[in-house]
């Protein structure tokens, strides 16, 4: 029971991390100091996406699920839990690279907005 609960906790942390990578730049509009946490998270997310490597959180969740007597997750976190939403059947490797570039570009635009907002004196 403890391992199953820990696996669910890892799943929730993993989902939170994915959402932070995709939408975290929006936090910069209110809290620019999140930049130093978000920027490495985006770099890691883009690296994992482009390299097709597995995320360590998926491996940890699998370990905990196996110790709890549950089936392990087949593939990556995104493939197992979010593939139907994020990766429909028509998705190709080229489109996946385009999506990774889009996430990086959106975050870059938001960073520029935050930078300009901080650089312009108010008043």
PDB file of N, CA and C in Angstrom:
ATOM      1  N   UNK A   1       0.824  -1.191   0.000  1.00  0.00           N
ATOM      2  CA  UNK A   1       0.000   0.000   0.000  1.00  0.00           C
ATOM      3  C   UNK A   1       0.872   1.262   0.000  1.00  0.00           C
ATOM      4  N   UNK A   2       1.952   1.240   0.768  1.00  0.00           N
ATOM      5  CA  UNK A   2       2.844   2.393   0.833  1.00  0.00           C
ATOM      6  C   UNK A   2       3.505   2.645  -0.525  1.00  0.00           C
ATOM      7  N   UNK A   3       3.927   1.564  -1.205  1.00  0.00           N
ATOM      8  CA  UNK A   3       4.554   1.718  -2.517  1.00  0.00           C
ATOM      9  C   UNK A   3       3.558   2.247  -3.543  1.00  0.00           C
ATOM     10  N   UNK A   4       2.326   1.785  -3.485  1.00  0.00           N
ATOM     11  CA  UNK A   4       1.300   2.262  -4.419  1.00  0.00           C
ATOM     12  C   UNK A   4       1.041   3.755  -4.198  1.00  0.00           C
ATOM     13  N   UNK A   5       0.950   4.169  -2.949  1.00  0.00           N
ATOM     14  CA  UNK A   5       0.742   5.584  -2.639  1.00  0.00           C
ATOM     15  C   UNK A   5       1.926   6.412  -3.116  1.00  0.00           C
ATOM     16  N   UNK A   6       3.135   5.896  -2.927  1.00  0.00           N
ATOM     17  CA  UNK A   6       4.329   6.615  -3.379  1.00  0.00           C
ATOM     18  C   UNK A   6       4.340   6.718  -4.908  1.00  0.00           C
ATOM     19  N   UNK A   7       3.898   5.669  -5.598  1.00  0.00           N
ATOM     20  CA  UNK A   7       3.833   5.701  -7.065  1.00  0.00           C
ATOM     21  C   UNK A   7       2.855   6.773  -7.535  1.00  0.00           C
ATOM     22  N   UNK A   8       1.726   6.896  -6.857  1.00  0.00           N
ATOM     23  CA  UNK A   8       0.752   7.935  -7.199  1.00  0.00           C
ATOM     24  C   UNK A   8       1.346   9.310  -6.934  1.00  0.00           C
ATOM     25  N   UNK A   9       2.065   9.464  -5.846  1.00  0.00           N
ATOM     26  CA  UNK A   9       2.710  10.738  -5.536  1.00  0.00           C
ATOM     27  C   UNK A   9       3.722  11.113  -6.624  1.00  0.00           C
ATOM     28  N   UNK A  10       4.518  10.151  -7.057  1.00  0.00           N
ATOM     29  CA  UNK A  10       5.477  10.403  -8.136  1.00  0.00           C
ATOM     30  C   UNK A  10       4.728  10.786  -9.412  1.00  0.00           C
ATOM     31  N   UNK A  11       3.623  10.105  -9.695  1.00  0.00           N
ATOM     32  CA  UNK A  11       2.811  10.436 -10.864  1.00  0.00           C
ATOM     33  C   UNK A  11       2.342  11.888 -10.801  1.00  0.00           C
ATOM     34  N   UNK A  12       1.857  12.322  -9.643  1.00  0.00           N
ATOM     35  CA  UNK A  12       1.381  13.695  -9.491  1.00  0.00           C
ATOM     36  C   UNK A  12       2.515  14.713  -9.621  1.00  0.00           C
ATOM     37  N   UNK A  13       3.667  14.387  -9.065  1.00  0.00           N
ATOM     38  CA  UNK A  13       4.837  15.261  -9.207  1.00  0.00           C
ATOM     39  C   UNK A  13       5.235  15.347 -10.676  1.00  0.00           C
ATOM     40  N   UNK A  14       5.207  14.208 -11.359  1.00  0.00           N
ATOM     41  CA  UNK A  14       5.584  14.169 -12.768  1.00  0.00           C
ATOM     42  C   UNK A  14       4.624  15.003 -13.614  1.00  0.00           C
ATOM     43  N   UNK A  15       3.333  14.846 -13.373  1.00  0.00           N
ATOM     44  CA  UNK A  15       2.347  15.632 -14.107  1.00  0.00           C
ATOM     45  C   UNK A  15       2.538  17.119 -13.825  1.00  0.00           C
ATOM     46  N   UNK A  16       2.782  17.457 -12.579  1.00  0.00           N
ATOM     47  CA  UNK A  16       3.022  18.861 -12.212  1.00  0.00           C
ATOM     48  C   UNK A  16       4.252  19.408 -12.936  1.00  0.00           C
ATOM     49  N   UNK A  17       5.288  18.592 -13.023  1.00  0.00           N
ATOM     50  CA  UNK A  17       6.502  19.025 -13.711  1.00  0.00           C
ATOM     51  C   UNK A  17       6.228  19.280 -15.191  1.00  0.00           C
ATOM     52  N   UNK A  18       5.503  18.370 -15.837  1.00  0.00           N
ATOM     53  CA  UNK A  18       5.177  18.544 -17.261  1.00  0.00           C
ATOM     54  C   UNK A  18       4.378  19.828 -17.460  1.00  0.00           C
ATOM     55  N   UNK A  19       3.385  20.063 -16.608  1.00  0.00           N
ATOM     56  CA  UNK A  19       2.589  21.290 -16.713  1.00  0.00           C
ATOM     57  C   UNK A  19       3.447  22.532 -16.460  1.00  0.00           C
ATOM     58  N   UNK A  20       4.377  22.435 -15.515  1.00  0.00           N
ATOM     59  CA  UNK A  20       5.281  23.546 -15.231  1.00  0.00           C
ATOM     60  C   UNK A  20       6.172  23.844 -16.430  1.00  0.00           C
ATOM     61  N   UNK A  21       6.665  22.805 -17.087  1.00  0.00           N
ATOM     62  CA  UNK A  21       7.510  23.012 -18.264  1.00  0.00           C
ATOM     63  C   UNK A  21       6.726  23.720 -19.364  1.00  0.00           C
ATOM     64  N   UNK A  22       5.496  23.285 -19.598  1.00  0.00           N
ATOM     65  CA  UNK A  22       4.707  23.833 -20.697  1.00  0.00           C
ATOM     66  C   UNK A  22       4.161  25.228 -20.375  1.00  0.00           C
ATOM     67  N   UNK A  23       3.643  25.409 -19.168  1.00  0.00           N
ATOM     68  CA  UNK A  23       2.951  26.653 -18.840  1.00  0.00           C
ATOM     69  C   UNK A  23       3.663  27.524 -17.803  1.00  0.00           C
ATOM     70  N   UNK A  24       4.791  27.073 -17.313  1.00  0.00           N
ATOM     71  CA  UNK A  24       5.468  27.769 -16.229  1.00  0.00           C
ATOM     72  C   UNK A  24       5.918  29.173 -16.546  1.00  0.00           C
ATOM     73  N   UNK A  25       6.153  29.471 -17.807  1.00  0.00           N
ATOM     74  CA  UNK A  25       6.588  30.829 -18.155  1.00  0.00           C
ATOM     75  C   UNK A  25       5.513  31.849 -17.812  1.00  0.00           C
ATOM     76  N   UNK A  26       4.274  31.415 -17.726  1.00  0.00           N
ATOM     77  CA  UNK A  26       3.210  32.334 -17.322  1.00  0.00           C
ATOM     78  C   UNK A  26       3.428  32.833 -15.897  1.00  0.00           C
ATOM     79  N   UNK A  27       4.088  32.023 -15.073  1.00  0.00           N
ATOM     80  CA  UNK A  27       4.400  32.452 -13.711  1.00  0.00           C
ATOM     81  C   UNK A  27       5.374  33.628 -13.701  1.00  0.00           C
ATOM     82  N   UNK A  28       6.180  33.713 -14.731  1.00  0.00           N
ATOM     83  CA  UNK A  28       7.170  34.785 -14.797  1.00  0.00           C
ATOM     84  C   UNK A  28       6.516  36.159 -14.840  1.00  0.00           C
ATOM     85  N   UNK A  29       5.301  36.225 -15.359  1.00  0.00           N
ATOM     86  CA  UNK A  29       4.621  37.513 -15.450  1.00  0.00           C
ATOM     87  C   UNK A  29       4.348  38.083 -14.059  1.00  0.00           C
ATOM     88  N   UNK A  30       4.144  37.218 -13.088  1.00  0.00           N
ATOM     89  CA  UNK A  30       3.883  37.643 -11.711  1.00  0.00           C
ATOM     90  C   UNK A  30       5.101  37.501 -10.805  1.00  0.00           C
ATOM     91  N   UNK A  31       5.854  36.451 -11.020  1.00  0.00           N
ATOM     92  CA  UNK A  31       7.005  36.137 -10.171  1.00  0.00           C
ATOM     93  C   UNK A  31       8.229  35.847 -11.041  1.00  0.00           C
ATOM     94  N   UNK A  32       8.917  36.885 -11.493  1.00  0.00           N
ATOM     95  CA  UNK A  32      10.065  36.695 -12.381  1.00  0.00           C
ATOM     96  C   UNK A  32      11.178  35.815 -11.797  1.00  0.00           C
ATOM     97  N   UNK A  33      11.227  35.687 -10.478  1.00  0.00           N
ATOM     98  CA  UNK A  33      12.285  34.864  -9.872  1.00  0.00           C
ATOM     99  C   UNK A  33      12.132  33.383 -10.182  1.00  0.00           C
ATOM    100  N   UNK A  34      10.952  32.970 -10.659  1.00  0.00           N
ATOM    101  CA  UNK A  34      10.749  31.577 -11.058  1.00  0.00           C
ATOM    102  C   UNK A  34      11.580  31.222 -12.293  1.00  0.00           C
ATOM    103  N   UNK A  35      12.111  32.237 -12.967  1.00  0.00           N
ATOM    104  CA  UNK A  35      12.931  32.007 -14.155  1.00  0.00           C
ATOM    105  C   UNK A  35      14.043  31.002 -13.882  1.00  0.00           C
ATOM    106  N   UNK A  36      14.695  31.140 -12.748  1.00  0.00           N
ATOM    107  CA  UNK A  36      15.862  30.304 -12.441  1.00  0.00           C
ATOM    108  C   UNK A  36      15.477  28.863 -12.131  1.00  0.00           C
ATOM    109  N   UNK A  37      14.215  28.612 -11.900  1.00  0.00           N
ATOM    110  CA  UNK A  37      13.716  27.241 -11.725  1.00  0.00           C
ATOM    111  C   UNK A  37      13.130  26.745 -13.037  1.00  0.00           C
ATOM    112  N   UNK A  38      12.418  27.643 -13.723  1.00  0.00           N
ATOM    113  CA  UNK A  38      11.716  27.228 -14.935  1.00  0.00           C
ATOM    114  C   UNK A  38      12.655  26.986 -16.116  1.00  0.00           C
ATOM    115  N   UNK A  39      13.634  27.820 -16.289  1.00  0.00           N
ATOM    116  CA  UNK A  39      14.541  27.685 -17.434  1.00  0.00           C
ATOM    117  C   UNK A  39      15.229  26.319 -17.473  1.00  0.00           C
ATOM    118  N   UNK A  40      15.793  25.823 -16.367  1.00  0.00           N
ATOM    119  CA  UNK A  40      16.369  24.477 -16.418  1.00  0.00           C
ATOM    120  C   UNK A  40      15.302  23.396 -16.639  1.00  0.00           C
ATOM    121  N   UNK A  41      14.096  23.613 -16.125  1.00  0.00           N
ATOM    122  CA  UNK A  41      13.015  22.640 -16.336  1.00  0.00           C
ATOM    123  C   UNK A  41      12.658  22.554 -17.818  1.00  0.00           C
ATOM    124  N   UNK A  42      12.584  23.696 -18.487  1.00  0.00           N
ATOM    125  CA  UNK A  42      12.297  23.701 -19.926  1.00  0.00           C
ATOM    126  C   UNK A  42      13.429  23.018 -20.689  1.00  0.00           C
ATOM    127  N   UNK A  43      14.658  23.330 -20.320  1.00  0.00           N
ATOM    128  CA  UNK A  43      15.802  22.699 -20.994  1.00  0.00           C
ATOM    129  C   UNK A  43      15.748  21.178 -20.841  1.00  0.00           C
ATOM    130  N   UNK A  44      15.440  20.716 -19.639  1.00  0.00           N
ATOM    131  CA  UNK A  44      15.341  19.280 -19.402  1.00  0.00           C
ATOM    132  C   UNK A  44      14.194  18.684 -20.217  1.00  0.00           C
ATOM    133  N   UNK A  45      13.034  19.333 -20.211  1.00  0.00           N
ATOM    134  CA  UNK A  45      11.878  18.828 -20.957  1.00  0.00           C
ATOM    135  C   UNK A  45      12.152  18.734 -22.447  1.00  0.00           C
ATOM    136  N   UNK A  46      12.782  19.766 -23.000  1.00  0.00           N
ATOM    137  CA  UNK A  46      13.111  19.750 -24.429  1.00  0.00           C
ATOM    138  C   UNK A  46      14.151  18.669 -24.712  1.00  0.00           C
ATOM    139  N   UNK A  47      15.143  18.536 -23.847  1.00  0.00           N
ATOM    140  CA  UNK A  47      16.164  17.495 -24.017  1.00  0.00           C
ATOM    141  C   UNK A  47      15.536  16.105 -24.020  1.00  0.00           C
ATOM    142  N   UNK A  48      14.683  15.830 -23.040  1.00  0.00           N
ATOM    143  CA  UNK A  48      14.041  14.509 -22.959  1.00  0.00           C
ATOM    144  C   UNK A  48      13.189  14.262 -24.200  1.00  0.00           C
ATOM    145  N   UNK A  49      12.479  15.283 -24.646  1.00  0.00           N
ATOM    146  CA  UNK A  49      11.606  15.148 -25.813  1.00  0.00           C
ATOM    147  C   UNK A  49      12.402  14.875 -27.081  1.00  0.00           C
ATOM    148  N   UNK A  50      13.469  15.610 -27.286  1.00  0.00           N
ATOM    149  CA  UNK A  50      14.241  15.476 -28.520  1.00  0.00           C
ATOM    150  C   UNK A  50      15.168  14.271 -28.519  1.00  0.00           C
ATOM    151  N   UNK A  51      15.602  13.844 -27.349  1.00  0.00           N
ATOM    152  CA  UNK A  51      16.549  12.727 -27.284  1.00  0.00           C
ATOM    153  C   UNK A  51      15.854  11.377 -27.190  1.00  0.00           C
ATOM    154  N   UNK A  52      14.550  11.388 -26.952  1.00  0.00           N
ATOM    155  CA  UNK A  52      13.771  10.148 -26.781  1.00  0.00           C
ATOM    156  C   UNK A  52      14.281   9.313 -25.613  1.00  0.00           C
ATOM    157  N   UNK A  53      14.907   9.943 -24.655  1.00  0.00           N
ATOM    158  CA  UNK A  53      15.363   9.243 -23.452  1.00  0.00           C
ATOM    159  C   UNK A  53      14.222   9.204 -22.456  1.00  0.00           C
ATOM    160  N   UNK A  54      14.286   8.266 -21.563  1.00  0.00           N
ATOM    161  CA  UNK A  54      13.268   8.171 -20.533  1.00  0.00           C
ATOM    162  C   UNK A  54      13.538   9.128 -19.392  1.00  0.00           C
ATOM    163  N   UNK A  55      12.480   9.596 -18.783  1.00  0.00           N
ATOM    164  CA  UNK A  55      12.602  10.490 -17.640  1.00  0.00           C
ATOM    165  C   UNK A  55      12.826   9.657 -16.378  1.00  0.00           C
ATOM    166  N   UNK A  56      13.696  10.089 -15.489  1.00  0.00           N
ATOM    167  CA  UNK A  56      13.934   9.346 -14.249  1.00  0.00           C
ATOM    168  C   UNK A  56      12.671   9.195 -13.380  1.00  0.00           C
ATOM    169  N   UNK A  57      11.749  10.126 -13.487  1.00  0.00           N
ATOM    170  CA  UNK A  57      10.511  10.001 -12.712  1.00  0.00           C
ATOM    171  C   UNK A  57       9.673   8.806 -13.180  1.00  0.00           C
ATOM    172  N   UNK A  58       9.713   8.511 -14.474  1.00  0.00           N
ATOM    173  CA  UNK A  58       9.009   7.333 -14.986  1.00  0.00           C
ATOM    174  C   UNK A  58       9.648   6.073 -14.424  1.00  0.00           C
ATOM    175  N   UNK A  59      10.976   6.034 -14.395  1.00  0.00           N
ATOM    176  CA  UNK A  59      11.670   4.862 -13.840  1.00  0.00           C
ATOM    177  C   UNK A  59      11.340   4.687 -12.356  1.00  0.00           C
ATOM    178  N   UNK A  60      11.294   5.779 -11.616  1.00  0.00           N
ATOM    179  CA  UNK A  60      10.953   5.704 -10.193  1.00  0.00           C
ATOM    180  C   UNK A  60       9.518   5.227 -10.000  1.00  0.00           C
ATOM    181  N   UNK A  61       8.616   5.763 -10.792  1.00  0.00           N
ATOM    182  CA  UNK A  61       7.220   5.316 -10.691  1.00  0.00           C
ATOM    183  C   UNK A  61       7.104   3.830 -11.003  1.00  0.00           C
ATOM    184  N   UNK A  62       7.807   3.369 -12.044  1.00  0.00           N
ATOM    185  CA  UNK A  62       7.783   1.945 -12.386  1.00  0.00           C
ATOM    186  C   UNK A  62       8.292   1.086 -11.239  1.00  0.00           C
ATOM    187  N   UNK A  63       9.386   1.497 -10.634  1.00  0.00           N
ATOM    188  CA  UNK A  63       9.944   0.752  -9.511  1.00  0.00           C
ATOM    189  C   UNK A  63       8.925   0.646  -8.374  1.00  0.00           C
ATOM    190  N   UNK A  64       8.311   1.762  -8.043  1.00  0.00           N
ATOM    191  CA  UNK A  64       7.324   1.766  -6.960  1.00  0.00           C
ATOM    192  C   UNK A  64       6.089   0.945  -7.307  1.00  0.00           C
ATOM    193  N   UNK A  65       5.651   1.038  -8.559  1.00  0.00           N
ATOM    194  CA  UNK A  65       4.485   0.242  -8.982  1.00  0.00           C
ATOM    195  C   UNK A  65       4.799  -1.254  -8.911  1.00  0.00           C
ATOM    196  N   UNK A  66       5.978  -1.648  -9.338  1.00  0.00           N
ATOM    197  CA  UNK A  66       6.365  -3.058  -9.285  1.00  0.00           C
ATOM    198  C   UNK A  66       6.454  -3.551  -7.845  1.00  0.00           C
ATOM    199  N   UNK A  67       7.010  -2.743  -6.967  1.00  0.00           N
ATOM    200  CA  UNK A  67       7.092  -3.128  -5.549  1.00  0.00           C
ATOM    201  C   UNK A  67       5.719  -3.206  -4.896  1.00  0.00           C
ATOM    202  N   UNK A  68       4.755  -2.456  -5.462  1.00  0.00           N
ATOM    203  CA  UNK A  68       3.383  -2.506  -4.947  1.00  0.00           C
ATOM    204  C   UNK A  68       2.586  -3.657  -5.562  1.00  0.00           C
ATOM    205  N   UNK A  69       3.226  -4.383  -6.495  1.00  0.00           N
ATOM    206  CA  UNK A  69       2.540  -5.492  -7.146  1.00  0.00           C
ATOM    207  C   UNK A  69       1.670  -5.064  -8.313  1.00  0.00           C
ATOM    208  N   UNK A  70       1.888  -3.868  -8.824  1.00  0.00           N
ATOM    209  CA  UNK A  70       1.123  -3.350  -9.958  1.00  0.00           C
ATOM    210  C   UNK A  70       1.951  -3.481 -11.233  1.00  0.00           C
ATOM    211  N   UNK A  71       1.274  -3.385 -12.367  1.00  0.00           N
ATOM    212  CA  UNK A  71       1.981  -3.436 -13.653  1.00  0.00           C
ATOM    213  C   UNK A  71       2.797  -2.159 -13.820  1.00  0.00           C
ATOM    214  N   UNK A  72       3.954  -2.301 -14.467  1.00  0.00           N
ATOM    215  CA  UNK A  72       4.767  -1.113 -14.698  1.00  0.00           C
ATOM    216  C   UNK A  72       4.216  -0.315 -15.864  1.00  0.00           C
ATOM    217  N   UNK A  73       4.643   0.918 -15.946  1.00  0.00           N
ATOM    218  CA  UNK A  73       4.239   1.812 -17.020  1.00  0.00           C
ATOM    219  C   UNK A  73       5.022   1.433 -18.268  1.00  0.00           C
ATOM    220  N   UNK A  74       4.323   1.195 -19.351  1.00  0.00           N
ATOM    221  CA  UNK A  74       4.984   0.866 -20.613  1.00  0.00           C
ATOM    222  C   UNK A  74       5.296   2.159 -21.354  1.00  0.00           C
ATOM    223  N   UNK A  75       6.561   2.402 -21.605  1.00  0.00           N
ATOM    224  CA  UNK A  75       6.963   3.625 -22.286  1.00  0.00           C
ATOM    225  C   UNK A  75       7.173   4.755 -21.296  1.00  0.00           C
ATOM    226  N   UNK A  76       7.178   5.962 -21.812  1.00  0.00           N
ATOM    227  CA  UNK A  76       7.412   7.133 -20.977  1.00  0.00           C
ATOM    228  C   UNK A  76       6.124   7.579 -20.299  1.00  0.00           C
ATOM    229  N   UNK A  77       6.253   8.497 -19.376  1.00  0.00           N
ATOM    230  CA  UNK A  77       5.105   9.083 -18.688  1.00  0.00           C
ATOM    231  C   UNK A  77       4.105   9.618 -19.704  1.00  0.00           C
ATOM    232  N   UNK A  78       4.594  10.390 -20.659  1.00  0.00           N
ATOM    233  CA  UNK A  78       3.708  11.005 -21.643  1.00  0.00           C
ATOM    234  C   UNK A  78       3.047   9.933 -22.488  1.00  0.00           C
ATOM    235  N   UNK A  79       3.804   8.929 -22.915  1.00  0.00           N
ATOM    236  CA  UNK A  79       3.228   7.863 -23.731  1.00  0.00           C
ATOM    237  C   UNK A  79       2.131   7.120 -22.979  1.00  0.00           C
ATOM    238  N   UNK A  80       2.357   6.844 -21.719  1.00  0.00           N
ATOM    239  CA  UNK A  80       1.429   6.025 -20.951  1.00  0.00           C
ATOM    240  C   UNK A  80       0.187   6.800 -20.519  1.00  0.00           C
ATOM    241  N   UNK A  81       0.370   8.001 -20.002  1.00  0.00           N
ATOM    242  CA  UNK A  81      -0.740   8.739 -19.423  1.00  0.00           C
ATOM    243  C   UNK A  81      -1.351   9.790 -20.345  1.00  0.00           C
ATOM    244  N   UNK A  82      -0.542  10.397 -21.181  1.00  0.00           N
ATOM    245  CA  UNK A  82      -1.026  11.545 -21.945  1.00  0.00           C
ATOM    246  C   UNK A  82      -0.944  11.388 -23.458  1.00  0.00           C
ATOM    247  N   UNK A  83      -0.512  10.235 -23.941  1.00  0.00           N
ATOM    248  CA  UNK A  83      -0.334  10.048 -25.379  1.00  0.00           C
ATOM    249  C   UNK A  83      -1.589  10.388 -26.161  1.00  0.00           C
ATOM    250  N   UNK A  84      -2.725   9.930 -25.699  1.00  0.00           N
ATOM    251  CA  UNK A  84      -3.982  10.162 -26.414  1.00  0.00           C
ATOM    252  C   UNK A  84      -4.269  11.645 -26.562  1.00  0.00           C
ATOM    253  N   UNK A  85      -3.812  12.449 -25.608  1.00  0.00           N
ATOM    254  CA  UNK A  85      -4.058  13.882 -25.646  1.00  0.00           C
ATOM    255  C   UNK A  85      -2.939  14.620 -26.383  1.00  0.00           C
ATOM    256  N   UNK A  86      -1.699  14.337 -26.003  1.00  0.00           N
ATOM    257  CA  UNK A  86      -0.570  15.074 -26.559  1.00  0.00           C
ATOM    258  C   UNK A  86      -0.024  14.482 -27.843  1.00  0.00           C
ATOM    259  N   UNK A  87      -0.193  13.184 -28.026  1.00  0.00           N
ATOM    260  CA  UNK A  87       0.392  12.525 -29.182  1.00  0.00           C
ATOM    261  C   UNK A  87      -0.650  11.669 -29.891  1.00  0.00           C
ATOM    262  N   UNK A  88      -1.505  12.287 -30.679  1.00  0.00           N
ATOM    263  CA  UNK A  88      -2.500  11.518 -31.418  1.00  0.00           C
ATOM    264  C   UNK A  88      -1.835  10.632 -32.472  1.00  0.00           C
ATOM    265  N   UNK A  89      -2.600   9.726 -33.050  1.00  0.00           N
ATOM    266  CA  UNK A  89      -2.067   8.755 -33.997  1.00  0.00           C
ATOM    267  C   UNK A  89      -1.356   9.349 -35.193  1.00  0.00           C
ATOM    268  N   UNK A  90      -1.709  10.552 -35.593  1.00  0.00           N
ATOM    269  CA  UNK A  90      -1.105  11.160 -36.773  1.00  0.00           C
ATOM    270  C   UNK A  90       0.233  11.831 -36.488  1.00  0.00           C
ATOM    271  N   UNK A  91       0.677  11.801 -35.252  1.00  0.00           N
ATOM    272  CA  UNK A  91       1.904  12.501 -34.872  1.00  0.00           C
ATOM    273  C   UNK A  91       3.134  11.774 -35.419  1.00  0.00           C
ATOM    274  N   UNK A  92       3.985  12.521 -36.087  1.00  0.00           N
ATOM    275  CA  UNK A  92       5.233  11.968 -36.615  1.00  0.00           C
ATOM    276  C   UNK A  92       6.401  12.563 -35.825  1.00  0.00           C
ATOM    277  N   UNK A  93       7.579  12.028 -36.057  1.00  0.00           N
ATOM    278  CA  UNK A  93       8.774  12.555 -35.384  1.00  0.00           C
ATOM    279  C   UNK A  93       9.002  14.021 -35.758  1.00  0.00           C
ATOM    280  N   UNK A  94       8.759  14.371 -37.014  1.00  0.00           N
ATOM    281  CA  UNK A  94       8.938  15.767 -37.439  1.00  0.00           C
ATOM    282  C   UNK A  94       7.981  16.697 -36.700  1.00  0.00           C
ATOM    283  N   UNK A  95       6.748  16.262 -36.525  1.00  0.00           N
ATOM    284  CA  UNK A  95       5.776  17.075 -35.795  1.00  0.00           C
ATOM    285  C   UNK A  95       6.168  17.160 -34.324  1.00  0.00           C
ATOM    286  N   UNK A  96       6.720  16.073 -33.778  1.00  0.00           N
ATOM    287  CA  UNK A  96       7.172  16.088 -32.388  1.00  0.00           C
ATOM    288  C   UNK A  96       8.298  17.102 -32.207  1.00  0.00           C
ATOM    289  N   UNK A  97       9.230  17.159 -33.156  1.00  0.00           N
ATOM    290  CA  UNK A  97      10.295  18.164 -33.098  1.00  0.00           C
ATOM    291  C   UNK A  97       9.711  19.571 -33.201  1.00  0.00           C
ATOM    292  N   UNK A  98       8.710  19.735 -34.047  1.00  0.00           N
ATOM    293  CA  UNK A  98       8.053  21.026 -34.191  1.00  0.00           C
ATOM    294  C   UNK A  98       7.380  21.441 -32.882  1.00  0.00           C
ATOM    295  N   UNK A  99       6.738  20.491 -32.206  1.00  0.00           N
ATOM    296  CA  UNK A  99       6.094  20.791 -30.930  1.00  0.00           C
ATOM    297  C   UNK A  99       7.121  21.179 -29.869  1.00  0.00           C
ATOM    298  N   UNK A 100       8.249  20.498 -29.844  1.00  0.00           N
ATOM    299  CA  UNK A 100       9.307  20.856 -28.895  1.00  0.00           C
ATOM    300  C   UNK A 100       9.808  22.267 -29.180  1.00  0.00           C
ATOM    301  N   UNK A 101       9.970  22.599 -30.452  1.00  0.00           N
ATOM    302  CA  UNK A 101      10.400  23.948 -30.829  1.00  0.00           C
ATOM    303  C   UNK A 101       9.337  24.971 -30.447  1.00  0.00           C
ATOM    304  N   UNK A 102       8.068  24.610 -30.599  1.00  0.00           N
ATOM    305  CA  UNK A 102       6.977  25.512 -30.241  1.00  0.00           C
ATOM    306  C   UNK A 102       6.968  25.806 -28.741  1.00  0.00           C
ATOM    307  N   UNK A 103       7.157  24.772 -27.926  1.00  0.00           N
ATOM    308  CA  UNK A 103       7.224  24.977 -26.472  1.00  0.00           C
ATOM    309  C   UNK A 103       8.384  25.906 -26.134  1.00  0.00           C
ATOM    310  N   UNK A 104       9.525  25.668 -26.743  1.00  0.00           N
ATOM    311  CA  UNK A 104      10.689  26.529 -26.488  1.00  0.00           C
ATOM    312  C   UNK A 104      10.421  27.960 -26.959  1.00  0.00           C
ATOM    313  N   UNK A 105       9.785  28.130 -28.123  1.00  0.00           N
ATOM    314  CA  UNK A 105       9.515  29.462 -28.659  1.00  0.00           C
ATOM    315  C   UNK A 105       8.509  30.223 -27.793  1.00  0.00           C
ATOM    316  N   UNK A 106       7.446  29.550 -27.376  1.00  0.00           N
ATOM    317  CA  UNK A 106       6.444  30.209 -26.522  1.00  0.00           C
ATOM    318  C   UNK A 106       7.097  30.678 -25.234  1.00  0.00           C
ATOM    319  N   UNK A 107       7.908  29.826 -24.641  1.00  0.00           N
ATOM    320  CA  UNK A 107       8.587  30.212 -23.412  1.00  0.00           C
ATOM    321  C   UNK A 107       9.559  31.367 -23.655  1.00  0.00           C
ATOM    322  N   UNK A 108      10.244  31.350 -24.766  1.00  0.00           N
ATOM    323  CA  UNK A 108      11.161  32.439 -25.096  1.00  0.00           C
ATOM    324  C   UNK A 108      10.411  33.764 -25.222  1.00  0.00           C
ATOM    325  N   UNK A 109       9.279  33.753 -25.913  1.00  0.00           N
ATOM    326  CA  UNK A 109       8.479  34.966 -26.061  1.00  0.00           C
ATOM    327  C   UNK A 109       8.029  35.475 -24.694  1.00  0.00           C
ATOM    328  N   UNK A 110       7.564  34.583 -23.843  1.00  0.00           N
ATOM    329  CA  UNK A 110       7.142  34.997 -22.504  1.00  0.00           C
ATOM    330  C   UNK A 110       8.309  35.541 -21.698  1.00  0.00           C
ATOM    331  N   UNK A 111       9.479  34.944 -21.848  1.00  0.00           N
ATOM    332  CA  UNK A 111      10.664  35.455 -21.147  1.00  0.00           C
ATOM    333  C   UNK A 111      11.014  36.864 -21.619  1.00  0.00           C
ATOM    334  N   UNK A 112      10.925  37.093 -22.913  1.00  0.00           N
ATOM    335  CA  UNK A 112      11.207  38.424 -23.447  1.00  0.00           C
ATOM    336  C   UNK A 112      10.205  39.428 -22.886  1.00  0.00           C
ATOM    337  N   UNK A 113       8.931  39.049 -22.811  1.00  0.00           N
ATOM    338  CA  UNK A 113       7.907  39.937 -22.234  1.00  0.00           C
ATOM    339  C   UNK A 113       8.242  40.276 -20.785  1.00  0.00           C
ATOM    340  N   UNK A 114       8.650  39.282 -20.033  1.00  0.00           N
ATOM    341  CA  UNK A 114       9.012  39.514 -18.634  1.00  0.00           C
ATOM    342  C   UNK A 114      10.236  40.414 -18.549  1.00  0.00           C
ATOM    343  N   UNK A 115      11.225  40.162 -19.390  1.00  0.00           N
ATOM    344  CA  UNK A 115      12.449  40.951 -19.375  1.00  0.00           C
ATOM    345  C   UNK A 115      12.150  42.417 -19.685  1.00  0.00           C
ATOM    346  N   UNK A 116      11.323  42.641 -20.698  1.00  0.00           N
ATOM    347  CA  UNK A 116      10.967  44.019 -21.067  1.00  0.00           C
ATOM    348  C   UNK A 116      10.159  44.686 -19.972  1.00  0.00           C
ATOM    349  N   UNK A 117       9.286  43.935 -19.371  1.00  0.00           N
ATOM    350  CA  UNK A 117       8.448  44.471 -18.297  1.00  0.00           C
ATOM    351  C   UNK A 117       9.301  44.919 -17.115  1.00  0.00           C
ATOM    352  N   UNK A 118      10.310  44.143 -16.810  1.00  0.00           N
ATOM    353  CA  UNK A 118      11.199  44.490 -15.692  1.00  0.00           C
ATOM    354  C   UNK A 118      12.148  45.618 -16.050  1.00  0.00           C
ATOM    355  N   UNK A 119      12.504  45.740 -17.329  1.00  0.00           N
ATOM    356  CA  UNK A 119      13.483  46.748 -17.750  1.00  0.00           C
ATOM    357  C   UNK A 119      12.860  48.139 -17.870  1.00  0.00           C
ATOM    358  N   UNK A 120      11.534  48.198 -18.083  1.00  0.00           N
ATOM    359  CA  UNK A 120      10.866  49.489 -18.257  1.00  0.00           C
ATOM    360  C   UNK A 120      10.449  50.011 -16.885  1.00  0.00           C
ATOM    361  N   UNK A 121      10.939  51.189 -16.498  1.00  0.00           N
ATOM    362  CA  UNK A 121      10.544  51.736 -15.202  1.00  0.00           C
ATOM    363  C   UNK A 121       9.055  52.113 -15.188  1.00  0.00           C
ATOM    364  N   UNK A 122       8.407  51.798 -14.103  1.00  0.00           N
ATOM    365  CA  UNK A 122       6.987  52.117 -13.958  1.00  0.00           C
ATOM    366  C   UNK A 122       6.866  53.479 -13.311  1.00  0.00           C
ATOM    367  N   UNK A 123       5.961  54.314 -13.821  1.00  0.00           N
ATOM    368  CA  UNK A 123       5.741  55.597 -13.171  1.00  0.00           C
ATOM    369  C   UNK A 123       5.900  56.666 -14.096  1.00  0.00           C
TER     370      UNK A 123
END
